[in-house]
Amino acid sequence: MSRSSLMATDVVAAAVDAQRADLETFALDLHAHPETAFEERRSAGRLVTALRHAGFDVTAPVADLETAFVARRRFGPGGPRVALIAEYDALPGLGHACGHNLISAAALGAARALASTLDAGAGELLVIGTPAEEGGGGKILMLRAGVFDGVDAALMFHPGARTMTVRGALAATRATMRFFGKAAHAAAAPHLGINALDACIQTFNAVNALRQHVRDETRIHGVITHGGDAPNVTPAYAEAKFIIRHRSHVYVDELKERVYAAARGAAASVGATVEFEEGLAYAERKINRTLAARFEAHLEAQGEPVVEPLAVGGVGSSDFGNLSQALPAIHPYVAMVPEGTSAHTPEFAAAAASSAGMRALHLAATALALTAADLFRDPDVLAAAAAEFRGDAA
């Protein structure tokens, strides 16, 4: 790296570091006021206000989503369009047990650092606020609405239990199953009833039998969300929600049909019927090693070692997978909890407001800013990332 490049890197890193106290206050404030999918009015509003104060032009809402926004800062004509992705929804009952308060703060910190250090040159920086990652699929809806059209690269980070830059994610689809039977007095006239709950329970049994005959890294998990109204009334209605996952969305589609067949058979076995409602399908994550290598280099320059992801397991699903299938994108992780600590737990939520969480925030904000700066300053980096995304031969 040349002397001038080193100096430019130091300037960007210093611009992030100058925000340290403010970013921590911001992250802790979001943590103290968690908002669930599509209800993130306060969180999105705080981001919009902060970005406007930093000189960004903000459009809000976008894609007919009240809590989605796009903030833009133009540095000059032409050049790349680079997006920093902010997530800010929390989990019901658990708050920020996935650390989205840190994701938002890191995107904000990187954006403000770039806005104050890259005033000359070409290109456009965007901060795109994406609601409802936790099951609502905000990025999918925004992709469909054209929000990401013309974006050359998208960058975000996620807190975790390992610092790694090339971790994948499972494709997933959600399904609500509604079982219909016939009510009856459970003691006086059970023979007149059709038990919708039995159909639901038999579905879980059928899915359990299916597990032996699916590919490795398949995940099928569900909960019963309605099982009847009273124990002395044969349930006329029952409901369950399932998520079906695998590393390939093609196989997820095949699995879905097999799970549906199991539910139809279970319902038929007790004389009930079943209807299905499908949620948004999350795609598997497409890794871009060119961009990940830049982020990794900037983490290691801060003294943060990067490790490889687990060979098998250890991954969930995200609507970022759909984004990564549409354009070059990275979703690296920075450790803030001991290995073996799962996200979506009270322990993870506590860590998102801890000193370890703040450390991950600052490491990530700096690496995000410097990775984006690489894309603006060196056309070869973006060209290589785009070629990798297209699958061009090296």
Protein backbone atom coordinates (compact mmCIF):
# COMPACT_ATOMS: atom_id res chain seq x y z
CA MET A 1 0.00 0.00 0.00
CA SER A 2 1.37 3.42 -0.97
CA ARG A 3 2.14 6.18 1.54
CA SER A 4 -0.81 8.23 0.23
CA SER A 5 -3.14 5.23 0.55
CA LEU A 6 -1.99 4.68 4.12
CA MET A 7 -2.63 8.32 4.92
CA ALA A 8 -6.11 8.15 3.37
CA THR A 9 -6.87 5.02 5.37
CA ASP A 10 -5.77 6.70 8.57
CA VAL A 11 -8.05 9.67 7.85
CA VAL A 12 -11.12 7.48 7.36
CA ALA A 13 -10.35 5.38 10.44
CA ALA A 14 -9.86 8.54 12.50
CA ALA A 15 -13.22 9.86 11.29
CA VAL A 16 -14.89 6.71 12.61
CA ASP A 17 -12.99 6.83 15.88
CA ALA A 18 -14.03 10.44 16.46
CA GLN A 19 -17.62 9.24 16.69
CA ARG A 20 -16.94 6.55 19.29
CA ALA A 21 -18.96 8.02 22.14
CA ASP A 22 -21.83 9.12 19.91
CA LEU A 23 -22.11 5.73 18.20
CA GLU A 24 -22.20 3.94 21.53
CA THR A 25 -24.93 6.26 22.77
CA PHE A 26 -26.87 5.65 19.58
CA ALA A 27 -26.54 1.86 19.80
CA LEU A 28 -27.54 1.80 23.45
CA ASP A 29 -30.55 4.01 22.77
CA LEU A 30 -31.85 1.63 20.09
CA HIS A 31 -31.16 -1.27 22.43
CA ALA A 32 -33.23 0.37 25.17
CA HIS A 33 -36.16 0.95 22.78
CA PRO A 34 -36.52 -2.28 20.76
CA GLU A 35 -39.10 -2.34 17.98
CA THR A 36 -40.24 -5.43 16.11
CA ALA A 37 -40.64 -6.03 12.37
CA PHE A 38 -42.29 -3.17 10.45
CA GLU A 39 -42.85 -1.25 13.71
CA GLU A 40 -39.38 0.34 13.88
CA ARG A 41 -40.62 3.93 13.64
CA ARG A 42 -38.42 5.38 16.35
CA SER A 43 -35.30 3.50 15.28
CA ALA A 44 -35.66 4.38 11.60
CA GLY A 45 -36.49 7.96 12.54
CA ARG A 46 -33.34 8.32 14.60
CA LEU A 47 -31.23 7.03 11.71
CA VAL A 48 -32.93 9.34 9.21
CA THR A 49 -32.39 12.36 11.45
CA ALA A 50 -28.72 11.54 12.03
CA LEU A 51 -28.05 11.01 8.33
CA ARG A 52 -29.77 14.24 7.34
CA HIS A 53 -27.61 16.10 9.84
CA ALA A 54 -24.57 14.49 8.17
CA GLY A 55 -25.56 15.93 4.80
CA PHE A 56 -27.37 12.97 3.25
CA ASP A 57 -30.47 13.40 1.12
CA VAL A 58 -33.01 11.01 2.61
CA THR A 59 -36.11 9.53 1.02
CA ALA A 60 -38.49 8.02 3.57
CA PRO A 61 -40.52 5.94 3.38
CA VAL A 62 -39.69 3.83 0.32
CA ALA A 63 -41.15 0.66 -1.24
CA ASP A 64 -44.47 1.33 0.54
CA LEU A 65 -42.76 0.35 3.79
CA GLU A 66 -43.23 2.92 6.52
CA THR A 67 -39.92 2.19 8.22
CA ALA A 68 -37.71 1.79 5.12
CA PHE A 69 -35.52 4.61 3.79
CA VAL A 70 -32.70 5.47 1.41
CA ALA A 71 -30.10 8.11 2.27
CA ARG A 72 -27.78 9.40 -0.50
CA ARG A 73 -24.54 11.35 -0.59
CA ARG A 74 -23.16 12.18 -4.04
CA PHE A 75 -19.39 12.77 -4.24
CA GLY A 76 -19.17 13.50 -7.95
CA PRO A 77 -20.46 12.49 -11.38
CA GLY A 78 -20.28 8.87 -12.45
CA GLY A 79 -18.45 6.39 -10.27
CA PRO A 80 -19.77 3.49 -8.22
CA ARG A 81 -22.91 3.39 -6.12
CA VAL A 82 -22.08 1.71 -2.82
CA ALA A 83 -24.72 0.92 -0.20
CA LEU A 84 -24.31 0.43 3.53
CA ILE A 85 -27.16 -1.67 4.90
CA ALA A 86 -28.84 -0.85 8.20
CA GLU A 87 -31.07 -3.29 10.06
CA TYR A 88 -32.91 -2.18 13.20
CA ASP A 89 -35.75 -4.56 14.02
CA ALA A 90 -35.75 -6.45 17.30
CA LEU A 91 -37.18 -9.81 18.33
CA PRO A 92 -40.53 -10.18 20.11
CA GLY A 93 -39.96 -10.73 23.81
CA LEU A 94 -36.16 -10.66 23.50
CA GLY A 95 -35.35 -7.19 22.26
CA HIS A 96 -32.08 -6.78 20.34
CA ALA A 97 -31.07 -10.41 20.69
CA CYS A 98 -29.62 -10.34 17.17
CA GLY A 99 -27.65 -7.13 17.65
CA HIS A 100 -29.38 -5.03 15.01
CA ASN A 101 -28.79 -1.94 17.15
CA LEU A 102 -25.07 -2.46 16.49
CA ILE A 103 -25.64 -3.03 12.78
CA SER A 104 -27.44 0.32 12.51
CA ALA A 105 -24.82 2.17 14.51
CA ALA A 106 -21.98 0.71 12.43
CA ALA A 107 -23.67 1.72 9.17
CA LEU A 108 -24.22 5.22 10.53
CA GLY A 109 -20.65 5.57 11.74
CA ALA A 110 -19.18 4.36 8.45
CA ALA A 111 -21.48 6.63 6.43
CA ARG A 112 -20.63 9.75 8.40
CA ALA A 113 -16.90 8.99 8.24
CA LEU A 114 -17.05 8.62 4.47
CA ALA A 115 -19.19 11.73 4.06
CA SER A 116 -16.55 13.80 5.85
CA THR A 117 -13.49 12.32 4.12
CA LEU A 118 -14.53 11.57 0.53
CA ASP A 119 -15.99 14.90 -0.55
CA ALA A 120 -13.98 14.94 -3.78
CA GLY A 121 -14.13 12.43 -6.60
CA ALA A 122 -16.89 10.38 -8.17
CA GLY A 123 -19.58 8.05 -6.96
CA GLU A 124 -22.52 7.89 -4.62
CA LEU A 125 -22.80 6.50 -1.11
CA LEU A 126 -26.13 5.17 0.09
CA VAL A 127 -27.37 4.07 3.46
CA ILE A 128 -30.39 1.83 2.95
CA GLY A 129 -32.60 1.20 5.94
CA THR A 130 -34.14 -2.25 5.70
CA PRO A 131 -36.90 -3.15 8.18
CA ALA A 132 -38.12 -6.55 9.27
CA GLU A 133 -35.15 -8.82 8.70
CA GLU A 134 -36.51 -11.08 11.44
CA GLY A 135 -39.06 -12.86 9.32
CA GLY A 136 -40.66 -9.93 7.50
CA GLY A 137 -38.32 -9.94 4.52
CA GLY A 138 -37.92 -6.18 4.18
CA LYS A 139 -35.01 -6.47 1.75
CA ILE A 140 -37.01 -8.81 -0.49
CA LEU A 141 -39.86 -6.33 -0.71
CA MET A 142 -37.41 -3.51 -1.37
CA LEU A 143 -35.66 -5.52 -4.09
CA ARG A 144 -39.00 -6.10 -5.78
CA ALA A 145 -39.75 -2.38 -5.59
CA GLY A 146 -36.48 -1.51 -7.34
CA VAL A 147 -34.81 0.16 -4.35
CA PHE A 148 -31.50 -1.58 -5.09
CA ASP A 149 -31.53 -0.99 -8.85
CA GLY A 150 -28.22 0.48 -9.96
CA VAL A 151 -26.39 -0.32 -6.70
CA ASP A 152 -22.95 -1.76 -7.44
CA ALA A 153 -22.15 -3.25 -4.04
CA ALA A 154 -23.83 -3.63 -0.64
CA LEU A 155 -22.01 -3.91 2.67
CA MET A 156 -23.10 -4.68 6.22
CA PHE A 157 -21.87 -6.51 9.29
CA HIS A 158 -23.45 -8.69 11.94
CA PRO A 159 -22.31 -9.34 15.52
CA GLY A 160 -21.70 -12.95 16.40
CA ALA A 161 -19.63 -15.52 18.28
CA ARG A 162 -16.81 -15.77 15.69
CA THR A 163 -15.12 -13.11 13.59
CA MET A 164 -15.45 -14.37 10.02
CA THR A 165 -16.03 -12.77 6.65
CA VAL A 166 -17.32 -15.54 4.36
CA ARG A 167 -20.04 -17.26 6.34
CA GLY A 168 -23.02 -18.47 4.30
CA ALA A 169 -26.70 -18.73 5.19
CA LEU A 170 -29.50 -21.18 4.53
CA ALA A 171 -32.31 -20.65 2.10
CA ALA A 172 -35.62 -20.73 3.91
CA THR A 173 -39.34 -20.57 3.39
CA ARG A 174 -42.08 -20.07 5.96
CA ALA A 175 -45.45 -21.78 5.93
CA THR A 176 -48.55 -21.32 8.04
CA MET A 177 -50.75 -24.43 8.19
CA ARG A 178 -54.40 -24.10 9.13
CA PHE A 179 -56.26 -27.29 10.05
CA PHE A 180 -60.06 -27.49 9.98
CA GLY A 181 -62.15 -30.10 11.75
CA LYS A 182 -65.52 -30.13 13.49
CA ALA A 183 -66.36 -29.11 17.04
CA ALA A 184 -68.13 -31.47 19.42
CA HIS A 185 -68.50 -32.07 23.14
CA ALA A 186 -65.29 -33.90 23.96
CA ALA A 187 -66.98 -36.13 26.57
CA ALA A 188 -70.66 -36.39 25.64
CA ALA A 189 -70.34 -36.69 21.86
CA PRO A 190 -66.69 -37.10 20.77
CA HIS A 191 -67.82 -39.31 17.88
CA LEU A 192 -69.44 -36.27 16.26
CA GLY A 193 -66.22 -34.27 16.20
CA ILE A 194 -63.19 -34.07 13.90
CA ASN A 195 -60.09 -33.07 15.85
CA ALA A 196 -58.09 -30.41 14.02
CA LEU A 197 -55.44 -30.51 16.75
CA ASP A 198 -54.89 -34.22 16.13
CA ALA A 199 -54.27 -33.40 12.46
CA CYS A 200 -51.76 -30.78 13.53
CA ILE A 201 -49.95 -33.11 15.94
CA GLN A 202 -49.85 -35.88 13.33
CA THR A 203 -48.21 -33.39 10.97
CA PHE A 204 -45.37 -32.90 13.45
CA ASN A 205 -45.03 -36.68 13.73
CA ALA A 206 -44.93 -37.04 9.95
CA VAL A 207 -42.30 -34.30 9.67
CA ASN A 208 -40.21 -36.06 12.32
CA ALA A 209 -40.37 -39.25 10.26
CA LEU A 210 -39.31 -37.28 7.20
CA ARG A 211 -36.11 -36.00 8.85
CA GLN A 212 -34.25 -39.28 8.31
CA HIS A 213 -34.72 -39.01 4.58
CA VAL A 214 -33.56 -35.49 3.76
CA ARG A 215 -30.19 -34.07 2.78
CA ASP A 216 -27.64 -32.95 5.36
CA GLU A 217 -28.11 -29.44 6.74
CA THR A 218 -31.87 -29.56 6.26
CA ARG A 219 -33.76 -27.80 9.02
CA ILE A 220 -37.52 -28.16 9.50
CA HIS A 221 -38.90 -26.61 12.65
CA GLY A 222 -42.30 -25.41 13.74
CA VAL A 223 -44.57 -24.36 16.55
CA ILE A 224 -48.29 -24.80 17.24
CA THR A 225 -49.81 -21.34 17.40
CA HIS A 226 -53.40 -22.44 18.07
CA GLY A 227 -54.51 -25.75 19.51
CA GLY A 228 -58.11 -25.24 20.51
CA ASP A 229 -60.12 -23.13 22.92
CA ALA A 230 -61.11 -25.48 25.75
CA PRO A 231 -60.20 -29.05 26.74
CA ASN A 232 -63.83 -30.18 26.74
CA VAL A 233 -64.41 -29.05 23.13
CA THR A 234 -63.02 -31.01 20.21
CA PRO A 235 -60.82 -28.44 18.42
CA ALA A 236 -62.41 -27.40 15.15
CA TYR A 237 -59.37 -25.31 14.25
CA ALA A 238 -55.64 -25.62 14.81
CA GLU A 239 -52.69 -23.75 13.39
CA ALA A 240 -48.95 -24.31 13.10
CA LYS A 241 -46.09 -22.32 11.63
CA PHE A 242 -43.05 -23.98 10.06
CA ILE A 243 -39.74 -22.84 8.63
CA ILE A 244 -38.03 -25.11 6.09
CA ARG A 245 -34.33 -24.52 5.39
CA HIS A 246 -31.42 -25.85 3.37
CA ARG A 247 -28.33 -24.46 1.65
CA SER A 248 -30.14 -24.46 -1.71
CA HIS A 249 -33.43 -22.71 -2.43
CA VAL A 250 -34.09 -25.32 -5.13
CA TYR A 251 -34.04 -28.08 -2.52
CA VAL A 252 -36.11 -25.96 -0.13
CA ASP A 253 -38.85 -25.86 -2.79
CA GLU A 254 -38.71 -29.66 -3.03
CA LEU A 255 -38.79 -30.04 0.74
CA LYS A 256 -41.76 -27.71 1.01
CA GLU A 257 -43.84 -29.96 -1.21
CA ARG A 258 -42.89 -33.01 0.87
CA VAL A 259 -43.83 -31.22 4.10
CA TYR A 260 -47.15 -30.15 2.56
CA ALA A 261 -47.81 -33.73 1.51
CA ALA A 262 -47.14 -34.86 5.09
CA ALA A 263 -49.64 -32.32 6.39
CA ARG A 264 -52.30 -33.32 3.87
CA GLY A 265 -51.87 -36.96 4.80
CA ALA A 266 -52.01 -36.18 8.51
CA ALA A 267 -55.18 -34.17 8.06
CA ALA A 268 -56.79 -36.87 5.94
CA SER A 269 -55.95 -39.50 8.55
CA VAL A 270 -58.36 -37.90 11.04
CA GLY A 271 -60.90 -36.56 8.54
CA ALA A 272 -59.70 -32.94 8.73
CA THR A 273 -58.55 -30.58 6.00
CA VAL A 274 -55.56 -28.25 5.81
CA GLU A 275 -54.77 -25.00 4.05
CA PHE A 276 -51.35 -23.39 3.52
CA GLU A 277 -50.15 -19.81 3.50
CA GLU A 278 -46.58 -19.23 2.33
CA GLY A 279 -44.33 -16.46 3.54
CA LEU A 280 -41.48 -14.81 1.68
CA ALA A 281 -38.72 -17.15 0.57
CA TYR A 282 -35.23 -16.30 1.82
CA ALA A 283 -32.45 -17.24 -0.61
CA GLU A 284 -29.10 -18.69 0.37
CA ARG A 285 -26.26 -16.18 0.72
CA LYS A 286 -23.91 -15.73 -2.23
CA ILE A 287 -20.39 -15.10 -0.99
CA ASN A 288 -18.25 -12.39 -2.61
CA ARG A 289 -14.69 -13.17 -1.60
CA THR A 290 -13.26 -10.08 -3.27
CA LEU A 291 -15.23 -7.75 -1.01
CA ALA A 292 -14.82 -10.06 1.99
CA ALA A 293 -11.03 -9.99 1.57
CA ARG A 294 -11.01 -6.20 1.78
CA PHE A 295 -13.14 -6.24 4.95
CA GLU A 296 -10.93 -8.95 6.41
CA ALA A 297 -7.77 -6.96 5.73
CA HIS A 298 -9.23 -3.93 7.49
CA LEU A 299 -10.24 -6.02 10.51
CA GLU A 300 -6.81 -7.60 10.78
CA ALA A 301 -5.16 -4.18 10.50
CA GLN A 302 -7.09 -3.31 13.67
CA GLY A 303 -5.70 -6.38 15.39
CA GLU A 304 -8.84 -8.51 15.05
CA PRO A 305 -8.07 -12.09 13.93
CA VAL A 306 -10.43 -13.64 11.39
CA VAL A 307 -11.34 -17.34 11.46
CA GLU A 308 -13.02 -19.67 9.03
CA PRO A 309 -16.70 -20.54 9.51
CA LEU A 310 -17.75 -23.95 10.76
CA ALA A 311 -17.64 -26.57 8.01
CA VAL A 312 -21.15 -27.78 8.82
CA GLY A 313 -24.03 -26.08 10.58
CA GLY A 314 -23.97 -22.93 12.61
CA VAL A 315 -25.96 -20.84 10.13
CA GLY A 316 -29.44 -19.39 9.96
CA SER A 317 -31.27 -17.48 7.26
CA SER A 318 -31.63 -13.83 6.29
CA ASP A 319 -33.25 -11.72 3.60
CA PHE A 320 -29.70 -10.51 2.93
CA GLY A 321 -29.37 -13.76 0.98
CA ASN A 322 -31.80 -12.41 -1.61
CA LEU A 323 -29.80 -9.20 -1.85
CA SER A 324 -26.55 -11.12 -2.31
CA GLN A 325 -28.13 -12.99 -5.23
CA ALA A 326 -28.90 -9.65 -6.93
CA LEU A 327 -25.57 -7.80 -6.57
CA PRO A 328 -22.09 -8.12 -5.02
CA ALA A 329 -22.58 -7.99 -1.26
CA ILE A 330 -20.97 -9.02 2.02
CA HIS A 331 -22.38 -9.90 5.44
CA PRO A 332 -19.33 -10.54 7.67
CA TYR A 333 -19.42 -11.22 11.41
CA VAL A 334 -17.50 -9.66 14.28
CA ALA A 335 -17.35 -11.56 17.57
CA MET A 336 -18.94 -10.08 20.70
CA VAL A 337 -19.94 -13.22 22.63
CA PRO A 338 -18.05 -16.40 23.56
CA GLU A 339 -18.12 -19.13 20.97
CA GLY A 340 -21.11 -21.38 21.57
CA THR A 341 -23.38 -18.50 22.53
CA SER A 342 -26.38 -18.40 20.23
CA ALA A 343 -28.10 -15.36 18.80
CA HIS A 344 -31.81 -14.96 19.63
CA THR A 345 -31.14 -15.51 23.32
CA PRO A 346 -31.17 -13.23 26.38
CA GLU A 347 -27.39 -13.63 26.60
CA PHE A 348 -26.94 -12.27 23.08
CA ALA A 349 -29.31 -9.39 23.80
CA ALA A 350 -27.28 -8.44 26.86
CA ALA A 351 -24.06 -8.56 24.86
CA ALA A 352 -25.50 -6.13 22.31
CA ALA A 353 -25.37 -3.47 25.04
CA SER A 354 -22.05 -4.58 26.59
CA SER A 355 -18.48 -3.36 26.22
CA ALA A 356 -17.85 -6.37 23.95
CA GLY A 357 -20.74 -5.26 21.75
CA MET A 358 -19.35 -1.74 21.58
CA ARG A 359 -15.95 -3.14 20.60
CA ALA A 360 -17.54 -5.09 17.74
CA LEU A 361 -19.41 -1.97 16.66
CA HIS A 362 -16.23 0.10 16.34
CA LEU A 363 -14.25 -2.63 14.59
CA ALA A 364 -17.07 -3.12 12.10
CA ALA A 365 -17.77 0.56 11.48
CA THR A 366 -14.10 1.13 10.65
CA ALA A 367 -13.87 -1.92 8.39
CA LEU A 368 -17.10 -0.97 6.61
CA ALA A 369 -15.91 2.58 5.99
CA LEU A 370 -12.53 1.43 4.70
CA THR A 371 -14.02 -1.28 2.47
CA ALA A 372 -16.40 1.25 0.94
CA ALA A 373 -13.49 3.68 0.52
CA ASP A 374 -11.59 0.98 -1.39
CA LEU A 375 -14.51 0.71 -3.81
CA PHE A 376 -14.59 4.46 -4.40
CA ARG A 377 -10.83 4.88 -4.74
CA ASP A 378 -9.83 1.77 -6.67
CA PRO A 379 -12.00 0.79 -9.68
CA ASP A 380 -10.17 -2.54 -9.88
CA VAL A 381 -11.66 -3.69 -6.57
CA LEU A 382 -15.23 -3.18 -7.75
CA ALA A 383 -14.43 -4.67 -11.17
CA ALA A 384 -13.06 -7.79 -9.51
CA ALA A 385 -16.06 -8.05 -7.19
CA ALA A 386 -18.46 -7.69 -10.14
CA ALA A 387 -16.56 -10.28 -12.17
CA GLU A 388 -16.70 -12.72 -9.27
CA PHE A 389 -20.41 -12.09 -8.85
CA ARG A 390 -21.02 -12.81 -12.56
CA GLY A 391 -18.91 -15.95 -12.34
CA ASP A 392 -16.37 -14.78 -14.88
CA ALA A 393 -13.34 -17.04 -15.17
CA ALA A 394 -10.24 -15.71 -13.46
